[in-house]
């Protein structure tokens, strides 16, 4: 054997060993794969079995709940049967009551109720269609009263009232009074009371002796002549009043008159207060311009209230008569 051949044999031997180990390694790999596949298959089977067991447990719990409901069914059926019997009894009772009501109402009262409904409908139609002059005059009069109460101008309303009231003799005088005051202020009761109380604080009565003395002094006293000269050149100053007021005192009788008058005014008896002032001549000695203005305002207030009240009362009476005459009396059968 040559040396070259020996070397070739040495090269071939390692190849056989390598081949053997390769085959052995492949077998090991295949075993590992087979074992892994077996383990995966077993785990998958276990998971499916666990899922099936959970489903079975859920179904079993549902079936147990259904069994419990089935056990309670006889009791529920008994309760429902009892309720049905009670409702049946109530329905029978309601039916009997309804039959009795039909017998009572249907025979005697249904016609009367129908007639009453017809009469009521007729009355409503009459009220809806009733747009007479009385209604319009009453509405305008109330507007005039409201504006006067809040001291707003009622000139437009007064003109409308005068136009609507033409030919109505029963309220023509009252409408004329309202129309004559349309550009004036109607003071309230509280305003008149407060103004009078302020005026009464400065009441001073004149006497005949003081008046005569002042006249003599004006004739013989140079100072009085100077005052007369100033009076001729300066208008609007009442020097006689200034001179007289310093000389006059209020007597007990006059104080009593003022107290009585104040009591009448504070009780809102303006008509009595005006009559009281005119009945006592002592009040003519006051010569108080503010009191004269107050008297005019109080008289205007009284005249306005009387006129507006007459219009409202008259038109309300006429409206009631129209409604009463348009309604047929109800005659129940």
C-alpha atoms as a PDB file:
ATOM      1  CA  UNK A   1       0.000   0.000   0.000  1.00  0.00           C
ATOM      2  CA  UNK A   2       1.295   3.289  -0.876  1.00  0.00           C
ATOM      3  CA  UNK A   3       1.391   6.344   1.255  1.00  0.00           C
ATOM      4  CA  UNK A   4      -1.146   8.116  -0.963  1.00  0.00           C
ATOM      5  CA  UNK A   5      -3.700   5.400  -0.472  1.00  0.00           C
ATOM      6  CA  UNK A   6      -3.267   5.481   3.262  1.00  0.00           C
ATOM      7  CA  UNK A   7      -3.993   9.170   3.327  1.00  0.00           C
ATOM      8  CA  UNK A   8      -7.201   8.692   1.310  1.00  0.00           C
ATOM      9  CA  UNK A   9      -8.460   6.065   3.752  1.00  0.00           C
ATOM     10  CA  UNK A  10      -7.739   8.390   6.666  1.00  0.00           C
ATOM     11  CA  UNK A  11      -9.844  11.109   4.964  1.00  0.00           C
ATOM     12  CA  UNK A  12     -12.773   8.694   4.372  1.00  0.00           C
ATOM     13  CA  UNK A  13     -13.004   7.528   7.994  1.00  0.00           C
ATOM     14  CA  UNK A  14     -13.965  10.894   9.543  1.00  0.00           C
ATOM     15  CA  UNK A  15     -16.721  11.271   6.993  1.00  0.00           C
ATOM     16  CA  UNK A  16     -18.396   8.085   8.179  1.00  0.00           C
ATOM     17  CA  UNK A  17     -18.259   9.266  11.817  1.00  0.00           C
ATOM     18  CA  UNK A  18     -19.712  12.603  10.865  1.00  0.00           C
ATOM     19  CA  UNK A  19     -22.471  10.895   8.987  1.00  0.00           C
ATOM     20  CA  UNK A  20     -23.247   8.737  11.984  1.00  0.00           C
ATOM     21  CA  UNK A  21     -23.470  11.684  14.350  1.00  0.00           C
ATOM     22  CA  UNK A  22     -25.595  13.588  11.854  1.00  0.00           C
ATOM     23  CA  UNK A  23     -28.051  10.739  11.638  1.00  0.00           C
ATOM     24  CA  UNK A  24     -28.078  10.449  15.410  1.00  0.00           C
ATOM     25  CA  UNK A  25     -28.701  14.214  15.786  1.00  0.00           C
ATOM     26  CA  UNK A  26     -31.522  14.048  13.263  1.00  0.00           C
ATOM     27  CA  UNK A  27     -33.134  11.219  15.197  1.00  0.00           C
ATOM     28  CA  UNK A  28     -32.916  13.270  18.414  1.00  0.00           C
ATOM     29  CA  UNK A  29     -34.452  16.268  16.717  1.00  0.00           C
ATOM     30  CA  UNK A  30     -37.297  14.162  15.396  1.00  0.00           C
ATOM     31  CA  UNK A  31     -37.905  12.730  18.875  1.00  0.00           C
ATOM     32  CA  UNK A  32     -37.982  16.214  20.349  1.00  0.00           C
ATOM     33  CA  UNK A  33     -40.467  17.338  17.688  1.00  0.00           C
ATOM     34  CA  UNK A  34     -42.614  14.259  18.291  1.00  0.00           C
ATOM     35  CA  UNK A  35     -42.575  14.846  22.045  1.00  0.00           C
ATOM     36  CA  UNK A  36     -43.447  18.544  21.568  1.00  0.00           C
ATOM     37  CA  UNK A  37     -46.320  17.622  19.267  1.00  0.00           C
ATOM     38  CA  UNK A  38     -47.566  15.135  21.809  1.00  0.00           C
ATOM     39  CA  UNK A  39     -47.366  17.680  24.611  1.00  0.00           C
ATOM     40  CA  UNK A  40     -49.192  20.322  22.493  1.00  0.00           C
ATOM     41  CA  UNK A  41     -51.880  17.827  21.552  1.00  0.00           C
ATOM     42  CA  UNK A  42     -52.357  16.849  25.189  1.00  0.00           C
ATOM     43  CA  UNK A  43     -52.522  20.494  26.328  1.00  0.00           C
ATOM     44  CA  UNK A  44     -55.030  21.345  23.573  1.00  0.00           C
ATOM     45  CA  UNK A  45     -57.141  18.394  24.556  1.00  0.00           C
ATOM     46  CA  UNK A  46     -56.987  19.470  28.196  1.00  0.00           C
ATOM     47  CA  UNK A  47     -58.032  23.037  27.305  1.00  0.00           C
ATOM     48  CA  UNK A  48     -61.007  21.848  25.281  1.00  0.00           C
ATOM     49  CA  UNK A  49     -61.991  19.554  28.129  1.00  0.00           C
ATOM     50  CA  UNK A  50     -61.745  22.452  30.622  1.00  0.00           C
ATOM     51  CA  UNK A  51     -63.927  24.604  28.352  1.00  0.00           C
ATOM     52  CA  UNK A  52     -66.458  21.815  28.047  1.00  0.00           C
ATOM     53  CA  UNK A  53     -66.447  21.396  31.806  1.00  0.00           C
ATOM     54  CA  UNK A  54     -67.092  25.133  32.290  1.00  0.00           C
ATOM     55  CA  UNK A  55     -69.983  25.004  29.832  1.00  0.00           C
ATOM     56  CA  UNK A  56     -71.382  21.983  31.575  1.00  0.00           C
ATOM     57  CA  UNK A  57     -71.119  23.778  34.948  1.00  0.00           C
ATOM     58  CA  UNK A  58     -72.964  26.813  33.524  1.00  0.00           C
ATOM     59  CA  UNK A  59     -75.706  24.631  32.102  1.00  0.00           C
ATOM     60  CA  UNK A  60     -76.014  22.799  35.400  1.00  0.00           C
ATOM     61  CA  UNK A  61     -76.418  26.121  37.307  1.00  0.00           C
ATOM     62  CA  UNK A  62     -79.074  27.247  34.818  1.00  0.00           C
ATOM     63  CA  UNK A  63     -80.919  24.001  35.155  1.00  0.00           C
ATOM     64  CA  UNK A  64     -80.785  24.324  38.947  1.00  0.00           C
ATOM     65  CA  UNK A  65     -82.303  27.846  38.705  1.00  0.00           C
ATOM     66  CA  UNK A  66     -85.018  26.539  36.393  1.00  0.00           C
ATOM     67  CA  UNK A  67     -85.726  23.686  38.805  1.00  0.00           C
ATOM     68  CA  UNK A  68     -86.084  26.204  41.655  1.00  0.00           C
ATOM     69  CA  UNK A  69     -88.482  28.300  39.538  1.00  0.00           C
ATOM     70  CA  UNK A  70     -90.450  25.190  38.725  1.00  0.00           C
ATOM     71  CA  UNK A  71     -90.670  24.429  42.415  1.00  0.00           C
ATOM     72  CA  UNK A  72     -92.154  27.910  42.997  1.00  0.00           C
ATOM     73  CA  UNK A  73     -94.626  27.664  40.118  1.00  0.00           C
ATOM     74  CA  UNK A  74     -97.487  26.141  42.158  1.00  0.00           C
ATOM     75  CA  UNK A  75     -97.281  28.990  44.686  1.00  0.00           C
ATOM     76  CA  UNK A  76     -97.196  31.627  41.924  1.00  0.00           C
ATOM     77  CA  UNK A  77    -100.094  29.988  40.135  1.00  0.00           C
ATOM     78  CA  UNK A  78    -102.101  30.000  43.341  1.00  0.00           C
ATOM     79  CA  UNK A  79    -101.391  33.696  43.972  1.00  0.00           C
ATOM     80  CA  UNK A  80    -102.319  34.611  40.405  1.00  0.00           C
ATOM     81  CA  UNK A  81    -105.497  32.622  40.647  1.00  0.00           C
ATOM     82  CA  UNK A  82    -106.397  34.484  43.852  1.00  0.00           C
ATOM     83  CA  UNK A  83    -105.732  37.854  42.230  1.00  0.00           C
ATOM     84  CA  UNK A  84    -107.773  36.893  39.189  1.00  0.00           C
ATOM     85  CA  UNK A  85    -110.679  35.925  41.405  1.00  0.00           C
ATOM     86  CA  UNK A  86    -110.441  39.251  43.305  1.00  0.00           C
ATOM     87  CA  UNK A  87    -110.331  41.246  40.054  1.00  0.00           C
ATOM     88  CA  UNK A  88    -113.286  39.270  38.764  1.00  0.00           C
ATOM     89  CA  UNK A  89    -115.268  40.188  41.874  1.00  0.00           C
ATOM     90  CA  UNK A  90    -114.339  43.868  41.503  1.00  0.00           C
ATOM     91  CA  UNK A  91    -115.328  43.861  37.847  1.00  0.00           C
ATOM     92  CA  UNK A  92    -118.675  42.363  38.731  1.00  0.00           C
ATOM     93  CA  UNK A  93    -119.175  45.034  41.401  1.00  0.00           C
ATOM     94  CA  UNK A  94    -118.261  47.800  38.947  1.00  0.00           C
ATOM     95  CA  UNK A  95    -120.644  46.331  36.381  1.00  0.00           C
ATOM     96  CA  UNK A  96    -123.466  46.290  38.930  1.00  0.00           C
ATOM     97  CA  UNK A  97    -122.767  49.903  39.935  1.00  0.00           C
ATOM     98  CA  UNK A  98    -122.670  50.950  36.289  1.00  0.00           C
ATOM     99  CA  UNK A  99    -125.993  49.241  35.646  1.00  0.00           C
ATOM    100  CA  UNK A 100    -127.504  50.995  38.654  1.00  0.00           C
ATOM    101  CA  UNK A 101    -126.117  54.329  37.465  1.00  0.00           C
ATOM    102  CA  UNK A 102    -127.546  53.776  33.998  1.00  0.00           C
ATOM    103  CA  UNK A 103    -130.930  52.952  35.464  1.00  0.00           C
ATOM    104  CA  UNK A 104    -130.903  56.033  37.679  1.00  0.00           C
ATOM    105  CA  UNK A 105    -129.465  58.571  35.256  1.00  0.00           C
ATOM    106  CA  UNK A 106    -130.605  57.209  31.951  1.00  0.00           C
ATOM    107  CA  UNK A 107    -134.274  57.236  32.787  1.00  0.00           C
ATOM    108  CA  UNK A 108    -134.693  60.583  34.522  1.00  0.00           C
ATOM    109  CA  UNK A 109    -131.618  62.816  34.593  1.00  0.00           C
ATOM    110  CA  UNK A 110    -129.866  62.492  31.270  1.00  0.00           C
ATOM    111  CA  UNK A 111    -132.351  64.806  29.554  1.00  0.00           C
ATOM    112  CA  UNK A 112    -132.005  67.428  32.300  1.00  0.00           C
ATOM    113  CA  UNK A 113    -128.216  67.281  32.096  1.00  0.00           C
ATOM    114  CA  UNK A 114    -128.368  67.653  28.324  1.00  0.00           C
ATOM    115  CA  UNK A 115    -130.657  70.654  28.653  1.00  0.00           C
ATOM    116  CA  UNK A 116    -128.369  72.276  31.204  1.00  0.00           C
ATOM    117  CA  UNK A 117    -125.393  71.788  28.912  1.00  0.00           C
ATOM    118  CA  UNK A 118    -127.311  73.387  26.056  1.00  0.00           C
ATOM    119  CA  UNK A 119    -128.302  76.348  28.232  1.00  0.00           C
ATOM    120  CA  UNK A 120    -124.737  76.771  29.404  1.00  0.00           C
ATOM    121  CA  UNK A 121    -123.454  76.710  25.843  1.00  0.00           C
ATOM    122  CA  UNK A 122    -126.054  79.294  24.894  1.00  0.00           C
ATOM    123  CA  UNK A 123    -125.015  81.550  27.771  1.00  0.00           C
ATOM    124  CA  UNK A 124    -121.371  81.285  26.756  1.00  0.00           C
ATOM    125  CA  UNK A 125    -122.228  82.184  23.181  1.00  0.00           C
ATOM    126  CA  UNK A 126    -124.227  85.180  24.402  1.00  0.00           C
ATOM    127  CA  UNK A 127    -121.325  86.411  26.488  1.00  0.00           C
ATOM    128  CA  UNK A 128    -118.909  85.976  23.593  1.00  0.00           C
ATOM    129  CA  UNK A 129    -121.190  87.808  21.193  1.00  0.00           C
ATOM    130  CA  UNK A 130    -122.128  90.549  23.651  1.00  0.00           C
ATOM    131  CA  UNK A 131    -120.112  93.530  22.427  1.00  0.00           C
ATOM    132  CA  UNK A 132    -122.569  96.270  23.258  1.00  0.00           C
ATOM    133  CA  UNK A 133    -121.981  99.921  23.989  1.00  0.00           C
ATOM    134  CA  UNK A 134    -122.380  99.208  27.692  1.00  0.00           C
ATOM    135  CA  UNK A 135    -119.340  96.933  27.648  1.00  0.00           C
ATOM    136  CA  UNK A 136    -117.240  99.458  25.730  1.00  0.00           C
ATOM    137  CA  UNK A 137    -118.250 102.383  27.934  1.00  0.00           C
ATOM    138  CA  UNK A 138    -117.544 100.344  31.060  1.00  0.00           C
ATOM    139  CA  UNK A 139    -114.100  99.357  29.766  1.00  0.00           C
ATOM    140  CA  UNK A 140    -113.168 102.949  28.864  1.00  0.00           C
ATOM    141  CA  UNK A 141    -114.456 104.236  32.215  1.00  0.00           C
ATOM    142  CA  UNK A 142    -112.238 101.740  34.031  1.00  0.00           C
ATOM    143  CA  UNK A 143    -109.270 102.923  31.969  1.00  0.00           C
ATOM    144  CA  UNK A 144    -110.046 106.534  32.924  1.00  0.00           C
ATOM    145  CA  UNK A 145    -110.232 105.570  36.586  1.00  0.00           C
ATOM    146  CA  UNK A 146    -106.934 103.687  36.431  1.00  0.00           C
ATOM    147  CA  UNK A 147    -105.100 106.558  34.726  1.00  0.00           C
ATOM    148  CA  UNK A 148    -106.476 109.060  37.222  1.00  0.00           C
ATOM    149  CA  UNK A 149    -105.446 106.806  40.103  1.00  0.00           C
ATOM    150  CA  UNK A 150    -101.833 106.802  38.922  1.00  0.00           C
ATOM    151  CA  UNK A 151    -102.083 110.473  37.876  1.00  0.00           C
ATOM    152  CA  UNK A 152    -101.603 109.730  34.207  1.00  0.00           C
ATOM    153  CA  UNK A 153    -103.327 111.693  31.441  1.00  0.00           C
ATOM    154  CA  UNK A 154    -106.754 110.361  30.524  1.00  0.00           C
ATOM    155  CA  UNK A 155    -107.577 112.920  27.825  1.00  0.00           C
ATOM    156  CA  UNK A 156    -107.780 110.346  25.018  1.00  0.00           C
ATOM    157  CA  UNK A 157    -109.956 108.016  27.085  1.00  0.00           C
ATOM    158  CA  UNK A 158    -112.216 110.933  28.060  1.00  0.00           C
ATOM    159  CA  UNK A 159    -112.728 111.842  24.389  1.00  0.00           C
ATOM    160  CA  UNK A 160    -113.569 108.211  23.554  1.00  0.00           C
ATOM    161  CA  UNK A 161    -115.964 108.098  26.508  1.00  0.00           C
ATOM    162  CA  UNK A 162    -117.677 111.269  25.341  1.00  0.00           C
ATOM    163  CA  UNK A 163    -118.043 109.825  21.840  1.00  0.00           C
ATOM    164  CA  UNK A 164    -119.492 106.529  23.098  1.00  0.00           C
ATOM    165  CA  UNK A 165    -121.829 108.247  25.552  1.00  0.00           C
ATOM    166  CA  UNK A 166    -123.616 110.408  23.007  1.00  0.00           C
ATOM    167  CA  UNK A 167    -127.353 109.992  23.319  1.00  0.00           C
ATOM    168  CA  UNK A 168    -127.192 108.327  26.740  1.00  0.00           C
ATOM    169  CA  UNK A 169    -129.028 110.783  28.959  1.00  0.00           C
ATOM    170  CA  UNK A 170    -128.531 108.776  32.144  1.00  0.00           C
ATOM    171  CA  UNK A 171    -124.753 109.271  32.136  1.00  0.00           C
ATOM    172  CA  UNK A 172    -124.336 112.356  29.935  1.00  0.00           C
ATOM    173  CA  UNK A 173    -123.791 114.701  32.890  1.00  0.00           C
ATOM    174  CA  UNK A 174    -121.203 112.369  34.426  1.00  0.00           C
ATOM    175  CA  UNK A 175    -119.372 112.106  31.115  1.00  0.00           C
ATOM    176  CA  UNK A 176    -119.336 115.906  30.838  1.00  0.00           C
ATOM    177  CA  UNK A 177    -117.740 116.128  34.278  1.00  0.00           C
ATOM    178  CA  UNK A 178    -115.037 113.621  33.317  1.00  0.00           C
ATOM    179  CA  UNK A 179    -114.417 115.394  30.029  1.00  0.00           C
ATOM    180  CA  UNK A 180    -114.034 118.762  31.767  1.00  0.00           C
ATOM    181  CA  UNK A 181    -111.265 117.330  33.976  1.00  0.00           C
ATOM    182  CA  UNK A 182    -109.284 115.519  31.270  1.00  0.00           C
ATOM    183  CA  UNK A 183    -106.418 118.032  31.392  1.00  0.00           C
ATOM    184  CA  UNK A 184    -106.312 118.323  35.193  1.00  0.00           C
ATOM    185  CA  UNK A 185    -104.686 116.249  37.908  1.00  0.00           C
ATOM    186  CA  UNK A 186    -106.837 114.143  40.217  1.00  0.00           C
ATOM    187  CA  UNK A 187    -105.040 113.872  43.538  1.00  0.00           C
ATOM    188  CA  UNK A 188    -105.286 110.738  45.652  1.00  0.00           C
ATOM    189  CA  UNK A 189    -106.706 110.592  49.168  1.00  0.00           C
ATOM    190  CA  UNK A 190    -103.288 110.327  50.790  1.00  0.00           C
ATOM    191  CA  UNK A 191    -101.984 113.318  48.855  1.00  0.00           C
ATOM    192  CA  UNK A 192    -104.943 115.457  49.921  1.00  0.00           C
ATOM    193  CA  UNK A 193    -104.520 114.421  53.563  1.00  0.00           C
ATOM    194  CA  UNK A 194    -100.792 115.180  53.625  1.00  0.00           C
ATOM    195  CA  UNK A 195    -101.271 118.557  51.935  1.00  0.00           C
ATOM    196  CA  UNK A 196    -104.006 119.567  54.381  1.00  0.00           C
ATOM    197  CA  UNK A 197    -101.882 118.605  57.385  1.00  0.00           C
ATOM    198  CA  UNK A 198     -99.049 120.774  56.079  1.00  0.00           C
ATOM    199  CA  UNK A 199    -101.404 123.696  55.425  1.00  0.00           C
ATOM    200  CA  UNK A 200    -103.140 123.453  58.818  1.00  0.00           C
ATOM    201  CA  UNK A 201     -99.841 124.083  60.597  1.00  0.00           C
ATOM    202  CA  UNK A 202     -99.893 127.679  59.331  1.00  0.00           C
ATOM    203  CA  UNK A 203    -103.555 128.548  59.999  1.00  0.00           C
ATOM    204  CA  UNK A 204    -103.964 132.138  61.255  1.00  0.00           C
ATOM    205  CA  UNK A 205    -107.359 133.758  61.664  1.00  0.00           C
ATOM    206  CA  UNK A 206    -108.022 137.440  60.964  1.00  0.00           C
ATOM    207  CA  UNK A 207    -110.317 139.600  63.117  1.00  0.00           C
ATOM    208  CA  UNK A 208    -112.407 142.608  62.221  1.00  0.00           C
ATOM    209  CA  UNK A 209    -110.592 144.824  64.730  1.00  0.00           C
ATOM    210  CA  UNK A 210    -107.198 143.973  63.321  1.00  0.00           C
ATOM    211  CA  UNK A 211    -108.466 144.649  59.841  1.00  0.00           C
ATOM    212  CA  UNK A 212    -109.861 148.060  60.823  1.00  0.00           C
ATOM    213  CA  UNK A 213    -106.643 148.946  62.674  1.00  0.00           C
ATOM    214  CA  UNK A 214    -104.581 148.074  59.691  1.00  0.00           C
ATOM    215  CA  UNK A 215    -106.786 150.219  57.491  1.00  0.00           C
ATOM    216  CA  UNK A 216    -106.466 153.238  59.864  1.00  0.00           C
ATOM    217  CA  UNK A 217    -102.754 152.791  60.148  1.00  0.00           C
ATOM    218  CA  UNK A 218    -102.503 152.722  56.368  1.00  0.00           C
ATOM    219  CA  UNK A 219    -104.293 156.078  56.175  1.00  0.00           C
ATOM    220  CA  UNK A 220    -102.401 157.970  58.924  1.00  0.00           C
ATOM    221  CA  UNK A 221     -99.007 156.289  59.184  1.00  0.00           C
ATOM    222  CA  UNK A 222     -96.224 157.429  56.821  1.00  0.00           C
ATOM    223  CA  UNK A 223     -94.722 153.960  56.980  1.00  0.00           C
ATOM    224  CA  UNK A 224     -97.982 152.519  55.729  1.00  0.00           C
ATOM    225  CA  UNK A 225     -97.967 155.010  52.868  1.00  0.00           C
ATOM    226  CA  UNK A 226     -94.465 153.817  51.973  1.00  0.00           C
ATOM    227  CA  UNK A 227     -95.643 150.221  52.027  1.00  0.00           C
ATOM    228  CA  UNK A 228     -98.561 151.165  49.771  1.00  0.00           C
ATOM    229  CA  UNK A 229     -96.100 152.790  47.361  1.00  0.00           C
ATOM    230  CA  UNK A 230     -93.975 149.618  47.322  1.00  0.00           C
ATOM    231  CA  UNK A 231     -97.106 147.516  46.774  1.00  0.00           C
ATOM    232  CA  UNK A 232     -97.863 149.527  43.648  1.00  0.00           C
ATOM    233  CA  UNK A 233     -94.407 148.873  42.188  1.00  0.00           C
ATOM    234  CA  UNK A 234     -93.850 145.255  43.319  1.00  0.00           C
ATOM    235  CA  UNK A 235     -96.584 142.755  42.456  1.00  0.00           C
ATOM    236  CA  UNK A 236     -97.201 139.345  44.019  1.00  0.00           C
ATOM    237  CA  UNK A 237     -96.485 140.310  47.680  1.00  0.00           C
ATOM    238  CA  UNK A 238     -99.421 140.407  50.097  1.00  0.00           C
ATOM    239  CA  UNK A 239     -98.253 143.018  52.654  1.00  0.00           C
ATOM    240  CA  UNK A 240    -101.661 143.163  54.334  1.00  0.00           C
ATOM    241  CA  UNK A 241    -101.416 139.497  55.144  1.00  0.00           C
ATOM    242  CA  UNK A 242     -97.910 139.879  56.526  1.00  0.00           C
ATOM    243  CA  UNK A 243     -98.932 142.721  58.811  1.00  0.00           C
ATOM    244  CA  UNK A 244    -102.112 141.035  60.018  1.00  0.00           C
ATOM    245  CA  UNK A 245    -100.562 137.640  60.715  1.00  0.00           C
ATOM    246  CA  UNK A 246     -98.186 139.115  63.269  1.00  0.00           C
ATOM    247  CA  UNK A 247    -101.091 140.624  65.193  1.00  0.00           C
ATOM    248  CA  UNK A 248    -103.606 137.704  65.278  1.00  0.00           C
ATOM    249  CA  UNK A 249    -103.888 134.791  67.687  1.00  0.00           C
ATOM    250  CA  UNK A 250    -106.051 131.638  67.374  1.00  0.00           C
ATOM    251  CA  UNK A 251    -108.835 131.424  69.920  1.00  0.00           C
ATOM    252  CA  UNK A 252    -109.765 128.127  71.694  1.00  0.00           C
ATOM    253  CA  UNK A 253    -112.938 127.913  69.653  1.00  0.00           C
ATOM    254  CA  UNK A 254    -110.960 128.238  66.444  1.00  0.00           C
ATOM    255  CA  UNK A 255    -108.475 125.555  67.614  1.00  0.00           C
ATOM    256  CA  UNK A 256    -111.410 123.244  68.196  1.00  0.00           C
ATOM    257  CA  UNK A 257    -112.720 123.929  64.701  1.00  0.00           C
ATOM    258  CA  UNK A 258    -109.301 123.119  63.231  1.00  0.00           C
ATOM    259  CA  UNK A 259    -109.172 119.843  65.187  1.00  0.00           C
ATOM    260  CA  UNK A 260    -112.631 118.828  63.991  1.00  0.00           C
ATOM    261  CA  UNK A 261    -111.723 119.691  60.415  1.00  0.00           C
ATOM    262  CA  UNK A 262    -108.461 117.734  60.648  1.00  0.00           C
ATOM    263  CA  UNK A 263    -110.317 114.710  61.958  1.00  0.00           C
ATOM    264  CA  UNK A 264    -112.693 114.784  58.992  1.00  0.00           C
ATOM    265  CA  UNK A 265    -109.845 115.081  56.507  1.00  0.00           C
ATOM    266  CA  UNK A 266    -107.724 112.340  58.100  1.00  0.00           C
ATOM    267  CA  UNK A 267    -110.754 110.026  57.977  1.00  0.00           C
ATOM    268  CA  UNK A 268    -110.951 110.679  54.210  1.00  0.00           C
ATOM    269  CA  UNK A 269    -114.315 112.403  54.652  1.00  0.00           C
ATOM    270  CA  UNK A 270    -113.517 115.170  52.189  1.00  0.00           C
ATOM    271  CA  UNK A 271    -117.144 115.884  51.453  1.00  0.00           C
ATOM    272  CA  UNK A 272    -117.830 116.438  55.138  1.00  0.00           C
ATOM    273  CA  UNK A 273    -114.701 118.566  55.463  1.00  0.00           C
ATOM    274  CA  UNK A 274    -115.783 120.856  52.616  1.00  0.00           C
ATOM    275  CA  UNK A 275    -119.258 121.217  54.110  1.00  0.00           C
ATOM    276  CA  UNK A 276    -117.718 121.904  57.525  1.00  0.00           C
ATOM    277  CA  UNK A 277    -115.518 124.703  56.119  1.00  0.00           C
ATOM    278  CA  UNK A 278    -118.454 126.339  54.360  1.00  0.00           C
ATOM    279  CA  UNK A 279    -120.717 126.004  57.392  1.00  0.00           C
ATOM    280  CA  UNK A 280    -118.368 127.946  59.713  1.00  0.00           C
ATOM    281  CA  UNK A 281    -117.671 131.534  58.883  1.00  0.00           C
ATOM    282  CA  UNK A 282    -114.469 131.529  60.954  1.00  0.00           C
ATOM    283  CA  UNK A 283    -112.679 129.707  58.147  1.00  0.00           C
ATOM    284  CA  UNK A 284    -113.407 132.665  55.876  1.00  0.00           C
ATOM    285  CA  UNK A 285    -111.096 134.723  58.074  1.00  0.00           C
ATOM    286  CA  UNK A 286    -108.103 132.516  57.229  1.00  0.00           C
ATOM    287  CA  UNK A 287    -107.534 134.051  53.807  1.00  0.00           C
ATOM    288  CA  UNK A 288    -105.100 131.175  53.106  1.00  0.00           C
ATOM    289  CA  UNK A 289    -104.422 130.749  49.400  1.00  0.00           C
ATOM    290  CA  UNK A 290    -103.093 127.198  49.906  1.00  0.00           C
ATOM    291  CA  UNK A 291    -106.333 126.190  51.621  1.00  0.00           C
ATOM    292  CA  UNK A 292    -108.355 127.617  48.731  1.00  0.00           C
ATOM    293  CA  UNK A 293    -106.310 125.543  46.269  1.00  0.00           C
ATOM    294  CA  UNK A 294    -106.754 122.476  48.471  1.00  0.00           C
ATOM    295  CA  UNK A 295    -110.521 123.015  48.522  1.00  0.00           C
ATOM    296  CA  UNK A 296    -110.596 123.170  44.716  1.00  0.00           C
ATOM    297  CA  UNK A 297    -108.546 119.957  44.423  1.00  0.00           C
ATOM    298  CA  UNK A 298    -110.742 118.168  46.978  1.00  0.00           C
ATOM    299  CA  UNK A 299    -113.937 119.227  45.192  1.00  0.00           C
ATOM    300  CA  UNK A 300    -112.468 118.068  41.875  1.00  0.00           C
ATOM    301  CA  UNK A 301    -111.600 114.716  43.457  1.00  0.00           C
ATOM    302  CA  UNK A 302    -115.163 114.299  44.789  1.00  0.00           C
ATOM    303  CA  UNK A 303    -116.745 115.281  41.488  1.00  0.00           C
ATOM    304  CA  UNK A 304    -114.510 112.863  39.570  1.00  0.00           C
ATOM    305  CA  UNK A 305    -115.223 109.953  41.926  1.00  0.00           C
ATOM    306  CA  UNK A 306    -118.976 110.559  41.817  1.00  0.00           C
ATOM    307  CA  UNK A 307    -119.018 110.837  38.018  1.00  0.00           C
ATOM    308  CA  UNK A 308    -116.894 107.743  37.350  1.00  0.00           C
ATOM    309  CA  UNK A 309    -118.859 105.734  39.924  1.00  0.00           C
ATOM    310  CA  UNK A 310    -122.154 106.735  38.301  1.00  0.00           C
ATOM    311  CA  UNK A 311    -120.920 105.647  34.875  1.00  0.00           C
ATOM    312  CA  UNK A 312    -119.625 102.300  36.128  1.00  0.00           C
ATOM    313  CA  UNK A 313    -122.729 101.484  38.188  1.00  0.00           C
ATOM    314  CA  UNK A 314    -125.110 102.474  35.378  1.00  0.00           C
ATOM    315  CA  UNK A 315    -123.319 100.449  32.714  1.00  0.00           C
ATOM    316  CA  UNK A 316    -122.987  97.422  35.006  1.00  0.00           C
ATOM    317  CA  UNK A 317    -126.729  97.469  35.646  1.00  0.00           C
ATOM    318  CA  UNK A 318    -127.425  97.702  31.917  1.00  0.00           C
ATOM    319  CA  UNK A 319    -124.993  94.869  31.239  1.00  0.00           C
ATOM    320  CA  UNK A 320    -126.673  92.654  33.846  1.00  0.00           C
ATOM    321  CA  UNK A 321    -130.077  93.340  32.302  1.00  0.00           C
ATOM    322  CA  UNK A 322    -128.792  92.424  28.829  1.00  0.00           C
ATOM    323  CA  UNK A 323    -127.312  89.149  30.074  1.00  0.00           C
ATOM    324  CA  UNK A 324    -130.443  88.271  32.067  1.00  0.00           C
ATOM    325  CA  UNK A 325    -132.747  88.980  29.147  1.00  0.00           C
ATOM    326  CA  UNK A 326    -130.643  86.892  26.738  1.00  0.00           C
ATOM    327  CA  UNK A 327    -130.594  83.795  28.942  1.00  0.00           C
ATOM    328  CA  UNK A 328    -133.464  81.337  29.036  1.00  0.00           C
ATOM    329  CA  UNK A 329    -134.287  80.028  32.511  1.00  0.00           C
ATOM    330  CA  UNK A 330    -133.225  76.447  33.193  1.00  0.00           C
ATOM    331  CA  UNK A 331    -136.167  74.135  33.880  1.00  0.00           C
ATOM    332  CA  UNK A 332    -134.964  70.699  34.986  1.00  0.00           C
ATOM    333  CA  UNK A 333    -137.206  67.836  33.988  1.00  0.00           C
END
